[in-house]
Amino acid sequence: MKTPFFLVLMTVMSVHCFAEDEGVRLIPMLNYDFMSLESQKDHAPGGGLILLSGDHEPPLSENYDPYGRNLLVGLFYKPHLLRETFPGYEGKYHDIDFIVERKWGPHLIQGIFSTYTDQPVYGGFHTTYTSLGYGYELMRRENVHLTLGLALGAGDYGINLPGSGTWPVLPMPIIRFGLNLRNINFALDFPEFRLIVLPKSKIRLTGAVRLNIYTFYDIHDLRFNAILWYRFFDTDFTAGDFLGIGVGVQNTGQNDGTDFALGEKGKTYDMNYYSVFGVLDAGLVKLTGGYVFYSREVYDSDYSRPAGNGFFIKVEMLYQFKLK
């Protein structure tokens, strides 16, 4: 009952949040990922809906500040269809995320529900992660802001109790820090760090580093990307900074570094790969593709095997509707 209750709570919370907002926008999103390796193929169609209010850039823009908004409600779903897995493991996994955030002045309220599993929506408490949190914006000036807070996360963190149970709740820090200088922008949204070098230039460098401290086993679990961009229009162009091409390098995974927890407790699955790639960002459509030069599959966090070289293709699309 814990997960259905949490979903109902956040739905009621989001409806209440919208009751007072003006300028609400609806953004449907579609995406499709395909990866072909020597010993594995992965088809991953997906999509989502974002409801938000406030002044901000589109979510797929590198200049997007996801915390300049007043309200966000997002629901995302992506199934992963694998060609071949280790005996006893499923070939289809589900990635579902639901998030609600609301800001009243310096106050931030946040609710999250995520599930990564072979069982749709709910495969047991150990296959889900939920949290409720509060943050307070301690500082906001023209070029710098800082928000600190605490969330209570519920899930299976691998902390065993005497007997057969596990410790179900842990406090999670909320740390959001941004510093915008003339030639470089920093942003920390724990546990992810992002930067943009020469943010006003047509030629710029973007990067991100993410480390999930609860699923970190070796250096391969450090996820990152770096992209050298060329933007065809200046940032003050009337249609926006929407068209650009780039080349980059990354270490990424199917679900941003979080293991898929199977319904059969004790079994997990993960995959990550290193690649060089090119990207075309046209605002409403973003195309990414590249060469995978190293990949691996991880079973139960203690057994891994190489999946070989190959390539990947990713298509992301979105459109924005103004509701009121």
Foldseek 3Di string as FASTA:
>chain_A
DVQVVLVVVVVVVQVVQCVPDAFKKKKKKWKWKWWDFPFKIKTKTKIKMKIFAADFAPPVDPRTDPPRTAKIWMWIKIKIAMDDDDPPDDRIKIWIKIKIWGDDPQKIKIKIKIFIERDPPDLDQQRIKIKIWMKGWPDDDPFKTKIKIKMKMFHALPADDPDGDHDGIDIDIFIWIWGDDQAKIWIDGPPKIKMKGRVQAQWIKIKMWGADPSLDDDPLLTWMKMKTKGFPDTQPPPVGRFWIKIKMKIKAWDHGRDWHAYSPHQKTKIKIFIWIWMWITRRQKIKIKTKTQWMWMDISSPDIDTRHITMMIMMMGMDMDTDD
